[in-house]
Amino acid sequence: MRKGILPAMLGIAVTGATIAMTDIDITKRIMHHKGREAMLTSGLIGFGLAHVVLGGLDLINNR
């Protein structure tokens, strides 16, 4: 198995699950609701996207 597949798949799963568990319009909800839930949602989306990017870079570097 290639080296960057697992982090990329983890990132896709975390980002997808976070978006599925929140409302449809995430940006509007985060901008108007400055609570813990909005911060947690932003953090989880960032965590997932960081894994996607780092896994993709691993895949590109190990050709």
N, C-alpha and C. Protein backbone atom coordinates (compact mmCIF):
# COMPACT_ATOMS: atom_id res chain seq x y z
N MET A 1 0.84 -1.18 0.00
CA MET A 1 0.00 0.00 0.00
C MET A 1 0.89 1.24 0.00
N ARG A 2 0.50 2.22 -0.74
CA ARG A 2 1.29 3.44 -0.83
C ARG A 2 1.23 4.20 0.49
N LYS A 3 2.25 5.00 0.74
CA LYS A 3 2.45 5.61 2.04
C LYS A 3 1.41 6.65 2.44
N GLY A 4 0.92 7.47 1.55
CA GLY A 4 0.02 8.57 1.91
C GLY A 4 -1.46 8.26 1.85
N ILE A 5 -1.82 7.03 1.52
CA ILE A 5 -3.23 6.68 1.36
C ILE A 5 -4.00 6.79 2.68
N LEU A 6 -3.46 6.24 3.77
CA LEU A 6 -4.18 6.23 5.03
C LEU A 6 -4.45 7.63 5.59
N PRO A 7 -3.45 8.53 5.63
CA PRO A 7 -3.78 9.88 6.11
C PRO A 7 -4.80 10.60 5.23
N ALA A 8 -4.71 10.41 3.92
CA ALA A 8 -5.67 11.06 3.03
C ALA A 8 -7.08 10.51 3.24
N MET A 9 -7.21 9.21 3.40
CA MET A 9 -8.52 8.61 3.64
C MET A 9 -9.09 9.04 5.00
N LEU A 10 -8.22 9.13 6.02
CA LEU A 10 -8.66 9.60 7.33
C LEU A 10 -9.18 11.03 7.21
N GLY A 11 -8.47 11.87 6.49
CA GLY A 11 -8.89 13.26 6.31
C GLY A 11 -10.22 13.37 5.58
N ILE A 12 -10.40 12.56 4.56
CA ILE A 12 -11.66 12.56 3.82
C ILE A 12 -12.81 12.13 4.73
N ALA A 13 -12.56 11.10 5.54
CA ALA A 13 -13.61 10.60 6.44
C ALA A 13 -13.97 11.63 7.51
N VAL A 14 -12.97 12.26 8.12
CA VAL A 14 -13.24 13.25 9.17
C VAL A 14 -13.95 14.47 8.60
N THR A 15 -13.48 14.97 7.47
CA THR A 15 -14.10 16.14 6.86
C THR A 15 -15.53 15.83 6.43
N GLY A 16 -15.73 14.70 5.79
CA GLY A 16 -17.07 14.32 5.34
C GLY A 16 -18.03 14.11 6.50
N ALA A 17 -17.58 13.46 7.56
CA ALA A 17 -18.44 13.23 8.72
C ALA A 17 -18.80 14.54 9.41
N THR A 18 -17.84 15.45 9.49
CA THR A 18 -18.11 16.73 10.13
C THR A 18 -19.11 17.54 9.33
N ILE A 19 -18.95 17.57 8.03
CA ILE A 19 -19.89 18.31 7.19
C ILE A 19 -21.27 17.67 7.23
N ALA A 20 -21.33 16.33 7.27
CA ALA A 20 -22.62 15.65 7.31
C ALA A 20 -23.36 15.88 8.63
N MET A 21 -22.61 16.06 9.72
CA MET A 21 -23.24 16.23 11.03
C MET A 21 -23.68 17.67 11.29
N THR A 22 -23.22 18.62 10.49
CA THR A 22 -23.61 20.01 10.69
C THR A 22 -24.70 20.39 9.71
N ASP A 23 -25.14 21.62 9.80
CA ASP A 23 -26.17 22.10 8.88
C ASP A 23 -25.61 22.21 7.47
N ILE A 24 -26.49 22.44 6.53
CA ILE A 24 -26.10 22.55 5.13
C ILE A 24 -25.19 23.75 4.91
N ASP A 25 -25.55 24.91 5.45
CA ASP A 25 -24.78 26.13 5.22
C ASP A 25 -23.82 26.34 6.40
N ILE A 26 -22.65 25.74 6.32
CA ILE A 26 -21.68 25.76 7.42
C ILE A 26 -21.14 27.17 7.64
N THR A 27 -20.81 27.88 6.58
CA THR A 27 -20.18 29.18 6.74
C THR A 27 -21.12 30.18 7.40
N LYS A 28 -22.39 30.16 7.04
CA LYS A 28 -23.34 31.08 7.66
C LYS A 28 -23.50 30.75 9.14
N ARG A 29 -23.54 29.47 9.48
CA ARG A 29 -23.70 29.06 10.87
C ARG A 29 -22.48 29.45 11.71
N ILE A 30 -21.29 29.27 11.16
CA ILE A 30 -20.07 29.60 11.90
C ILE A 30 -19.95 31.10 12.08
N MET A 31 -20.31 31.88 11.08
CA MET A 31 -20.16 33.33 11.17
C MET A 31 -21.14 33.94 12.17
N HIS A 32 -22.33 33.38 12.33
CA HIS A 32 -23.33 33.96 13.22
C HIS A 32 -23.37 33.29 14.58
N HIS A 33 -22.76 32.17 14.74
CA HIS A 33 -22.81 31.44 16.01
C HIS A 33 -21.39 31.29 16.52
N LYS A 34 -20.99 32.12 17.45
CA LYS A 34 -19.60 32.13 17.93
C LYS A 34 -19.44 31.28 19.18
N GLY A 35 -20.00 30.10 19.19
CA GLY A 35 -19.94 29.25 20.37
C GLY A 35 -18.94 28.12 20.21
N ARG A 36 -19.00 27.23 21.16
CA ARG A 36 -18.12 26.06 21.16
C ARG A 36 -18.34 25.16 19.97
N GLU A 37 -19.58 25.00 19.59
CA GLU A 37 -19.90 24.11 18.47
C GLU A 37 -19.28 24.61 17.17
N ALA A 38 -19.32 25.91 16.95
CA ALA A 38 -18.73 26.48 15.73
C ALA A 38 -17.22 26.31 15.73
N MET A 39 -16.59 26.50 16.90
CA MET A 39 -15.14 26.33 16.98
C MET A 39 -14.75 24.87 16.77
N LEU A 40 -15.52 23.96 17.34
CA LEU A 40 -15.24 22.53 17.18
C LEU A 40 -15.42 22.10 15.73
N THR A 41 -16.46 22.59 15.08
CA THR A 41 -16.70 22.27 13.68
C THR A 41 -15.55 22.77 12.81
N SER A 42 -15.13 24.01 13.04
CA SER A 42 -14.01 24.56 12.27
C SER A 42 -12.74 23.77 12.49
N GLY A 43 -12.48 23.39 13.73
CA GLY A 43 -11.28 22.62 14.05
C GLY A 43 -11.27 21.25 13.40
N LEU A 44 -12.41 20.57 13.42
CA LEU A 44 -12.49 19.24 12.81
C LEU A 44 -12.35 19.31 11.29
N ILE A 45 -12.94 20.32 10.69
CA ILE A 45 -12.80 20.47 9.24
C ILE A 45 -11.34 20.76 8.89
N GLY A 46 -10.69 21.62 9.67
CA GLY A 46 -9.28 21.92 9.44
C GLY A 46 -8.40 20.70 9.64
N PHE A 47 -8.69 19.91 10.67
CA PHE A 47 -7.95 18.67 10.93
C PHE A 47 -8.07 17.72 9.75
N GLY A 48 -9.28 17.55 9.25
CA GLY A 48 -9.50 16.66 8.11
C GLY A 48 -8.81 17.14 6.85
N LEU A 49 -8.93 18.43 6.57
CA LEU A 49 -8.30 18.97 5.37
C LEU A 49 -6.78 18.92 5.45
N ALA A 50 -6.22 19.11 6.64
CA ALA A 50 -4.77 19.00 6.80
C ALA A 50 -4.30 17.58 6.50
N HIS A 51 -5.07 16.59 6.93
CA HIS A 51 -4.70 15.21 6.64
C HIS A 51 -4.80 14.91 5.14
N VAL A 52 -5.80 15.46 4.49
CA VAL A 52 -5.93 15.26 3.05
C VAL A 52 -4.72 15.85 2.33
N VAL A 53 -4.34 17.06 2.70
CA VAL A 53 -3.20 17.73 2.05
C VAL A 53 -1.91 16.98 2.32
N LEU A 54 -1.66 16.62 3.58
CA LEU A 54 -0.41 15.93 3.91
C LEU A 54 -0.35 14.53 3.29
N GLY A 55 -1.47 13.83 3.25
CA GLY A 55 -1.50 12.53 2.59
C GLY A 55 -1.27 12.65 1.09
N GLY A 56 -1.85 13.68 0.50
CA GLY A 56 -1.63 13.92 -0.94
C GLY A 56 -0.18 14.25 -1.25
N LEU A 57 0.44 15.06 -0.39
CA LEU A 57 1.86 15.36 -0.59
C LEU A 57 2.73 14.11 -0.46
N ASP A 58 2.38 13.25 0.49
CA ASP A 58 3.11 11.98 0.65
C ASP A 58 2.97 11.12 -0.61
N LEU A 59 1.77 11.09 -1.16
CA LEU A 59 1.56 10.30 -2.38
C LEU A 59 2.37 10.85 -3.54
N ILE A 60 2.43 12.16 -3.66
CA ILE A 60 3.18 12.79 -4.77
C ILE A 60 4.67 12.57 -4.61
N ASN A 61 5.17 12.71 -3.38
CA ASN A 61 6.64 12.58 -3.14
C ASN A 61 7.15 11.15 -3.30
N ASN A 62 6.33 10.16 -3.08
CA ASN A 62 6.78 8.76 -3.10
C ASN A 62 6.40 8.06 -4.39
N ARG A 63 6.45 8.75 -5.49
CA ARG A 63 6.14 8.11 -6.79
C ARG A 63 7.20 7.17 -7.20
